[in-house]
Amino acid sequence: MATLVSVDSRAQFGDIDKVTETLKRFKDGGPKNFQIIADFDMTMTTYEITGTCFGVIRNYPGFPREFFEKTNAIKNEHYPIHIDLSLPEEVRRESDHRWFTRMLDTYEEQGISKSLIPEMLEKSTCRLRPGVAEFLALARDHSVPVLVFSGGIRDVIVKLLEREGCMYDNITIIANNFKWENDVFAGAEEPYITACTKLEVAKQNKYFGEVVRDNVLLLGDMISDLAMGACAQYKEMISVGFCRDPEKDGDRYKESFSVVMAGGNPGFEVPAKILKDIVEST
């Protein structure tokens, strides 16, 4: 396991021996028995609240100042609740849902256009973590299925991956689907996906019955992201959690995730090392 630490010293482990043994079995199974499930915002992208899917729209300079002020006030009200792991999950769930529906109302009032998404992205701080594009290319090269499971916006995710040249056929995206009428925002399809509703959404999605591989690498930045794997059909999992505030939440993350990327703004070296070890084992 020293190899994982060597690629990024910020990697921490709740049970290093268990991770070591699980990775050995992953390598024995090879890429044909391996799948990846990943969150998007602040997992595949950097820790930038202005660079999340919703931040891309909120901070677009082409919209009136009033739009930014209103959407930013909504964010400032709900985001602290969103990340406060000391609160009961039901409180966070209700706040996330209210945050989501209030944002939809502002988008409808503004009349945002789908065709503006590439420009919104270009002017945003939304960036893939270093190494994500190479990680996705390696998964494609070895036919490893990748599920991007996000409470963000599908159109934004697709456009960013297309821009970076890594929207491949082996990638499936489960995220909030916006409806558009003549290029103008017209609501979102239900069920809405937020950090606290991924389990309910997973239970309704056929992906988890169609993709059956013994070994799973799960990537997230919130403990609730572990629900992404609850409906997957697998035997063993290694989970990697990107922890924004290790002083406050590090112990909880180490109790929940196999590997914790603590502090700073880490790249994808550790997930990439796990994938590389598996594909090179054959």
Protein backbone atom coordinates (compact mmCIF):
# COMPACT_ATOMS: atom_id res chain seq x y z
CA MET A 1 0.00 0.00 0.00
CA ALA A 2 3.06 2.21 0.17
CA THR A 3 2.55 2.67 -3.55
CA LEU A 4 -0.69 4.61 -2.95
CA VAL A 5 0.92 6.78 -0.30
CA SER A 6 3.88 7.42 -2.56
CA VAL A 7 1.74 8.90 -5.33
CA ASP A 8 0.05 11.30 -2.88
CA SER A 9 1.12 11.69 0.73
CA ARG A 10 -2.33 13.07 1.61
CA ALA A 11 -3.84 9.59 1.32
CA GLN A 12 -5.05 8.31 4.69
CA PHE A 13 -6.51 4.92 5.58
CA GLY A 14 -8.98 3.68 8.14
CA ASP A 15 -7.75 0.08 7.72
CA ILE A 16 -4.68 -0.07 5.53
CA ASP A 17 -4.39 -3.88 5.71
CA LYS A 18 -7.94 -4.33 4.45
CA VAL A 19 -7.35 -1.95 1.54
CA THR A 20 -4.14 -3.80 0.68
CA GLU A 21 -5.85 -7.20 0.58
CA THR A 22 -8.83 -5.89 -1.36
CA LEU A 23 -6.58 -4.30 -3.98
CA LYS A 24 -4.76 -7.61 -4.41
CA ARG A 25 -8.08 -9.31 -5.18
CA PHE A 26 -8.99 -6.46 -7.55
CA LYS A 27 -5.77 -7.12 -9.44
CA ASP A 28 -6.50 -10.84 -9.55
CA GLY A 29 -9.92 -10.11 -11.05
CA GLY A 30 -8.54 -7.76 -13.68
CA PRO A 31 -10.37 -5.03 -15.60
CA LYS A 32 -13.12 -7.36 -16.84
CA ASN A 33 -14.40 -7.67 -13.26
CA PHE A 34 -14.02 -4.00 -12.37
CA GLN A 35 -16.32 -0.96 -12.46
CA ILE A 36 -16.09 2.66 -11.33
CA ILE A 37 -18.81 4.76 -9.68
CA ALA A 38 -17.98 8.44 -9.17
CA ASP A 39 -19.61 11.59 -7.94
CA PHE A 40 -18.89 14.69 -10.06
CA ASP A 41 -18.89 18.05 -8.24
CA MET A 42 -15.82 18.37 -5.97
CA THR A 43 -14.91 14.72 -6.67
CA MET A 44 -14.02 14.74 -10.35
CA THR A 45 -13.78 18.52 -10.19
CA THR A 46 -11.74 20.69 -7.82
CA TYR A 47 -12.94 22.11 -4.49
CA GLU A 48 -14.51 25.26 -5.90
CA ILE A 49 -18.05 26.10 -4.78
CA THR A 50 -18.16 28.58 -7.67
CA GLY A 51 -17.22 25.75 -10.04
CA THR A 52 -19.95 23.23 -9.31
CA CYS A 53 -22.62 22.54 -11.93
CA PHE A 54 -24.95 25.02 -10.27
CA GLY A 55 -22.07 27.44 -9.66
CA VAL A 56 -21.40 27.51 -13.41
CA ILE A 57 -24.85 29.02 -13.92
CA ARG A 58 -24.93 31.14 -10.76
CA ASN A 59 -21.67 32.92 -11.55
CA TYR A 60 -22.13 33.48 -15.29
CA PRO A 61 -21.25 37.16 -15.83
CA GLY A 62 -23.69 37.51 -18.71
CA PHE A 63 -26.68 37.40 -16.38
CA PRO A 64 -27.95 40.49 -14.52
CA ARG A 65 -26.36 41.31 -11.18
CA GLU A 66 -29.73 40.70 -9.53
CA PHE A 67 -29.64 37.06 -10.66
CA PHE A 68 -26.25 36.50 -9.05
CA GLU A 69 -27.29 38.22 -5.83
CA LYS A 70 -30.46 36.16 -5.53
CA THR A 71 -28.89 32.80 -6.36
CA ASN A 72 -25.85 33.52 -4.19
CA ALA A 73 -28.10 34.39 -1.23
CA ILE A 74 -29.88 31.05 -1.68
CA LYS A 75 -26.54 29.24 -1.81
CA ASN A 76 -25.26 31.01 1.29
CA GLU A 77 -28.39 29.97 3.19
CA HIS A 78 -28.29 26.29 2.27
CA TYR A 79 -24.63 25.38 1.68
CA PRO A 80 -23.59 25.48 5.35
CA ILE A 81 -26.38 23.00 6.12
CA HIS A 82 -25.37 20.87 3.13
CA ILE A 83 -21.84 20.28 4.45
CA ASP A 84 -22.60 20.12 8.19
CA LEU A 85 -22.27 16.42 9.01
CA SER A 86 -23.28 17.04 12.62
CA LEU A 87 -26.86 17.75 11.52
CA PRO A 88 -29.45 14.96 11.17
CA GLU A 89 -29.63 13.67 7.60
CA GLU A 90 -33.32 14.57 7.36
CA VAL A 91 -32.51 18.22 8.09
CA ARG A 92 -29.86 18.23 5.37
CA ARG A 93 -32.16 16.38 2.98
CA GLU A 94 -34.98 18.91 3.40
CA SER A 95 -32.58 21.84 3.02
CA ASP A 96 -31.02 20.35 -0.14
CA HIS A 97 -34.46 19.83 -1.67
CA ARG A 98 -35.49 23.38 -0.87
CA TRP A 99 -32.20 24.69 -2.26
CA PHE A 100 -32.74 22.75 -5.48
CA THR A 101 -36.33 23.90 -6.05
CA ARG A 102 -35.49 27.53 -5.26
CA MET A 103 -32.69 27.43 -7.83
CA LEU A 104 -35.06 26.00 -10.44
CA ASP A 105 -37.41 28.90 -9.81
CA THR A 106 -34.62 31.42 -10.43
CA TYR A 107 -33.60 29.68 -13.65
CA GLU A 108 -37.16 29.85 -14.91
CA GLU A 109 -37.41 33.53 -13.98
CA GLN A 110 -34.15 34.27 -15.78
CA GLY A 111 -35.04 32.13 -18.80
CA ILE A 112 -31.60 30.56 -19.06
CA SER A 113 -30.67 29.02 -22.42
CA LYS A 114 -29.18 25.58 -23.03
CA SER A 115 -27.05 26.96 -25.86
CA LEU A 116 -25.26 29.19 -23.34
CA ILE A 117 -23.85 26.26 -21.34
CA PRO A 118 -20.52 26.03 -23.24
CA GLU A 119 -19.94 29.76 -22.71
CA MET A 120 -20.97 29.51 -19.05
CA LEU A 121 -18.40 26.74 -18.61
CA GLU A 122 -15.70 28.71 -20.39
CA LYS A 123 -16.18 31.65 -18.03
CA SER A 124 -16.46 29.50 -14.90
CA THR A 125 -13.99 28.02 -12.41
CA CYS A 126 -15.29 24.50 -13.10
CA ARG A 127 -12.23 22.34 -13.78
CA LEU A 128 -11.53 18.63 -13.71
CA ARG A 129 -9.00 17.57 -11.11
CA PRO A 130 -5.53 16.91 -12.51
CA GLY A 131 -5.40 13.36 -13.82
CA VAL A 132 -9.15 12.85 -14.32
CA ALA A 133 -8.97 12.97 -18.13
CA GLU A 134 -6.14 10.41 -18.17
CA PHE A 135 -8.02 8.25 -15.66
CA LEU A 136 -11.11 8.20 -17.87
CA ALA A 137 -9.04 7.45 -20.97
CA LEU A 138 -7.42 4.47 -19.24
CA ALA A 139 -10.84 3.15 -18.20
CA ARG A 140 -12.05 3.50 -21.79
CA ASP A 141 -8.98 1.72 -23.17
CA HIS A 142 -9.72 -1.31 -20.98
CA SER A 143 -13.52 -1.29 -21.31
CA VAL A 144 -14.09 -0.48 -17.64
CA PRO A 145 -17.61 0.94 -17.15
CA VAL A 146 -17.73 4.34 -15.46
CA LEU A 147 -20.88 5.65 -13.82
CA VAL A 148 -20.91 9.37 -13.04
CA PHE A 149 -23.65 9.71 -10.42
CA SER A 150 -24.26 13.35 -9.54
CA GLY A 151 -26.65 15.74 -7.88
CA GLY A 152 -25.46 18.24 -10.47
CA ILE A 153 -26.73 19.02 -13.95
CA ARG A 154 -26.36 16.43 -16.71
CA ASP A 155 -26.03 18.98 -19.52
CA VAL A 156 -23.18 20.75 -17.73
CA ILE A 157 -21.35 17.48 -16.99
CA VAL A 158 -21.65 16.30 -20.59
CA LYS A 159 -20.43 19.61 -22.01
CA LEU A 160 -17.43 19.72 -19.67
CA LEU A 161 -16.40 16.15 -20.48
CA GLU A 162 -16.87 16.84 -24.19
CA ARG A 163 -14.75 19.98 -23.92
CA GLU A 164 -11.97 17.99 -22.23
CA GLY A 165 -12.22 15.22 -24.85
CA CYS A 166 -13.22 12.49 -22.40
CA MET A 167 -16.95 11.87 -22.91
CA TYR A 168 -16.51 8.21 -23.87
CA ASP A 169 -18.95 5.43 -24.73
CA ASN A 170 -18.14 3.53 -21.52
CA ILE A 171 -19.38 6.46 -19.41
CA THR A 172 -22.95 6.59 -18.13
CA ILE A 173 -24.26 9.71 -16.40
CA ILE A 174 -27.03 9.76 -13.82
CA ALA A 175 -27.70 13.39 -12.90
CA ASN A 176 -30.46 15.98 -12.92
CA ASN A 177 -32.03 16.24 -16.35
CA PHE A 178 -33.19 19.72 -17.25
CA LYS A 179 -36.08 20.21 -19.65
CA TRP A 180 -35.78 22.77 -22.45
CA GLU A 181 -38.39 24.31 -24.71
CA ASN A 182 -37.02 26.17 -27.71
CA ASP A 183 -33.63 26.36 -25.95
CA VAL A 184 -35.18 27.91 -22.81
CA PHE A 185 -35.18 26.26 -19.37
CA ALA A 186 -38.53 24.59 -18.63
CA GLY A 187 -37.95 22.71 -15.38
CA ALA A 188 -36.26 19.50 -14.33
CA GLU A 189 -37.28 15.88 -14.51
CA GLU A 190 -38.16 14.10 -11.29
CA PRO A 191 -36.90 12.53 -9.14
CA TYR A 192 -34.54 15.34 -8.24
CA ILE A 193 -31.07 14.15 -7.29
CA THR A 194 -29.35 15.73 -4.30
CA ALA A 195 -26.57 14.49 -2.02
CA CYS A 196 -29.10 12.84 0.30
CA THR A 197 -31.35 11.19 -2.30
CA LYS A 198 -28.88 9.07 -4.26
CA LEU A 199 -30.02 5.82 -2.65
CA GLU A 200 -33.65 6.40 -3.64
CA VAL A 201 -32.63 7.33 -7.19
CA ALA A 202 -30.32 4.30 -7.46
CA LYS A 203 -33.17 1.96 -6.53
CA GLN A 204 -35.14 3.23 -9.53
CA ASN A 205 -32.34 3.10 -12.11
CA LYS A 206 -31.86 0.10 -14.37
CA TYR A 207 -28.11 0.69 -14.66
CA PHE A 208 -27.43 -1.21 -11.46
CA GLY A 209 -29.15 -4.32 -12.77
CA GLU A 210 -27.36 -4.20 -16.12
CA VAL A 211 -23.77 -3.58 -15.01
CA VAL A 212 -22.60 -6.48 -12.87
CA ARG A 213 -18.91 -6.60 -11.96
CA ASP A 214 -17.40 -8.08 -8.82
CA ASN A 215 -15.16 -5.17 -7.87
CA VAL A 216 -16.06 -1.50 -7.47
CA LEU A 217 -14.01 1.66 -7.04
CA LEU A 218 -16.30 4.32 -5.60
CA LEU A 219 -15.25 7.99 -5.55
CA GLY A 220 -17.02 10.78 -3.64
CA ASP A 221 -16.54 13.92 -1.60
CA MET A 222 -19.41 13.40 0.86
CA ILE A 223 -20.18 10.44 3.10
CA SER A 224 -23.66 10.30 1.55
CA ASP A 225 -21.95 9.48 -1.78
CA LEU A 226 -21.44 5.95 -0.45
CA ALA A 227 -25.13 5.43 -1.21
CA MET A 228 -24.17 5.41 -4.91
CA GLY A 229 -22.95 1.85 -4.47
CA ALA A 230 -25.83 0.56 -2.38
CA CYS A 231 -27.68 -0.86 -5.37
CA ALA A 232 -24.66 -1.98 -7.38
CA GLN A 233 -24.12 -5.70 -7.80
CA TYR A 234 -20.60 -6.40 -6.59
CA LYS A 235 -18.56 -8.43 -4.09
CA GLU A 236 -15.92 -5.96 -2.93
CA MET A 237 -15.42 -2.21 -2.92
CA ILE A 238 -12.65 0.30 -2.38
CA SER A 239 -14.01 3.77 -1.69
CA VAL A 240 -12.00 6.99 -1.96
CA GLY A 241 -13.33 10.08 -0.19
CA PHE A 242 -12.12 13.59 -0.99
CA CYS A 243 -12.32 15.43 2.35
CA ARG A 244 -12.39 19.22 2.16
CA ASP A 245 -11.99 19.79 5.90
CA PRO A 246 -9.94 16.99 7.50
CA GLU A 247 -9.61 18.79 10.84
CA LYS A 248 -13.39 18.85 11.22
CA ASP A 249 -14.50 15.76 9.31
CA GLY A 250 -11.39 13.58 8.90
CA ASP A 251 -12.31 10.99 11.53
CA ARG A 252 -15.81 10.52 10.09
CA TYR A 253 -14.37 10.10 6.60
CA LYS A 254 -11.79 7.52 7.75
CA GLU A 255 -14.57 5.56 9.45
CA SER A 256 -16.58 5.58 6.21
CA PHE A 257 -14.17 5.48 3.25
CA SER A 258 -11.39 3.00 2.51
CA VAL A 259 -9.04 5.81 1.50
CA VAL A 260 -9.35 9.50 2.41
CA MET A 261 -7.71 12.27 0.40
CA ALA A 262 -7.25 14.83 3.15
CA GLY A 263 -6.64 18.52 2.71
CA GLY A 264 -5.47 20.70 -0.13
CA ASN A 265 -6.92 20.13 -3.58
CA PRO A 266 -5.61 16.67 -4.54
CA GLY A 267 -5.47 15.33 -8.04
CA PHE A 268 -6.57 11.88 -9.20
CA GLU A 269 -3.23 10.15 -8.64
CA VAL A 270 -4.57 7.65 -6.09
CA PRO A 271 -7.64 6.51 -8.09
CA ALA A 272 -5.42 6.40 -11.19
CA LYS A 273 -2.87 4.21 -9.38
CA ILE A 274 -5.59 1.77 -8.33
CA LEU A 275 -6.92 1.57 -11.90
CA LYS A 276 -3.45 1.28 -13.40
CA ASP A 277 -2.51 -1.57 -11.05
CA ILE A 278 -5.64 -3.46 -12.08
CA VAL A 279 -5.30 -3.04 -15.84
CA GLU A 280 -1.59 -3.87 -15.74
CA SER A 281 -2.24 -7.07 -13.79
CA THR A 282 -3.47 -8.91 -16.90
